């Protein structure tokens, strides 16, 4: 898996936020369809998606796991 669909990405972000709200810190990794995405990679993904939305005014169709 090289990229996530927008739906997979949104679910991953929801789970990360839920974990943060429960435990007060970000998880070391996120699991998406059995694929482990390490903290530095999912933080990078979130930053890239936010930048894309600000610049393009819309959500991306897919999100690359690594830039």
Protein backbone atom coordinates (compact mmCIF):
# COMPACT_ATOMS: atom_id res chain seq x y z
CA UNK A 1 0.00 0.00 0.00
CA UNK A 2 1.61 3.20 -1.22
CA UNK A 3 -1.34 5.53 -0.67
CA UNK A 4 -4.63 5.82 1.16
CA UNK A 5 -8.02 6.74 -0.20
CA UNK A 6 -9.60 9.82 1.31
CA UNK A 7 -11.92 7.57 3.32
CA UNK A 8 -9.01 5.53 4.72
CA UNK A 9 -7.15 8.75 5.55
CA UNK A 10 -10.13 10.24 7.37
CA UNK A 11 -10.64 7.06 9.39
CA UNK A 12 -6.93 7.01 10.33
CA UNK A 13 -7.06 10.65 11.48
CA UNK A 14 -10.21 9.96 13.52
CA UNK A 15 -8.50 7.06 15.28
CA UNK A 16 -5.39 9.16 15.98
CA UNK A 17 -7.53 11.95 17.48
CA UNK A 18 -9.49 9.45 19.57
CA UNK A 19 -6.22 7.95 20.89
CA UNK A 20 -4.90 11.45 21.70
CA UNK A 21 -8.08 12.33 23.57
CA UNK A 22 -7.93 9.11 25.62
CA UNK A 23 -4.21 8.96 26.41
CA UNK A 24 -2.98 12.55 26.01
CA UNK A 25 -0.32 11.72 23.40
CA UNK A 26 -0.12 10.63 19.80
CA UNK A 27 0.24 6.91 19.06
CA UNK A 28 3.60 5.63 17.84
CA UNK A 29 1.88 4.25 14.75
CA UNK A 30 -1.51 3.98 13.04
CA UNK A 31 -2.92 0.80 11.51
CA UNK A 32 -4.76 1.03 8.19
CA UNK A 33 -5.92 -2.26 6.67
CA UNK A 34 -3.13 -4.07 8.50
CA UNK A 35 -0.46 -1.61 7.31
CA UNK A 36 1.54 0.08 10.08
CA UNK A 37 2.18 3.78 9.46
CA UNK A 38 4.75 5.23 11.84
CA UNK A 39 4.19 8.49 13.67
CA UNK A 40 6.61 10.58 11.58
CA UNK A 41 4.89 9.41 8.39
CA UNK A 42 1.30 10.05 9.50
CA UNK A 43 2.27 13.50 10.83
CA UNK A 44 3.83 14.26 7.43
CA UNK A 45 0.67 13.01 5.70
CA UNK A 46 -1.56 15.26 7.80
CA UNK A 47 0.66 18.29 7.12
CA UNK A 48 0.65 17.61 3.36
CA UNK A 49 -3.13 17.17 3.24
CA UNK A 50 -3.68 20.38 5.20
CA UNK A 51 -1.37 22.26 2.83
CA UNK A 52 -3.17 20.78 -0.19
CA UNK A 53 -6.58 21.82 1.14
CA UNK A 54 -5.38 25.36 1.83
CA UNK A 55 -3.76 25.74 -1.60
CA UNK A 56 -6.31 23.92 -3.76
CA UNK A 57 -9.52 24.52 -1.81
CA UNK A 58 -10.52 20.86 -1.93
CA UNK A 59 -9.59 17.47 -0.49
CA UNK A 60 -7.22 15.17 -2.37
CA UNK A 61 -8.63 11.93 -3.82
CA UNK A 62 -5.73 9.90 -2.40
CA UNK A 63 -2.91 10.54 0.07
CA UNK A 64 0.59 9.17 -0.44
CA UNK A 65 1.91 7.52 2.70
CA UNK A 66 5.42 8.87 2.18
CA UNK A 67 6.28 12.11 0.46
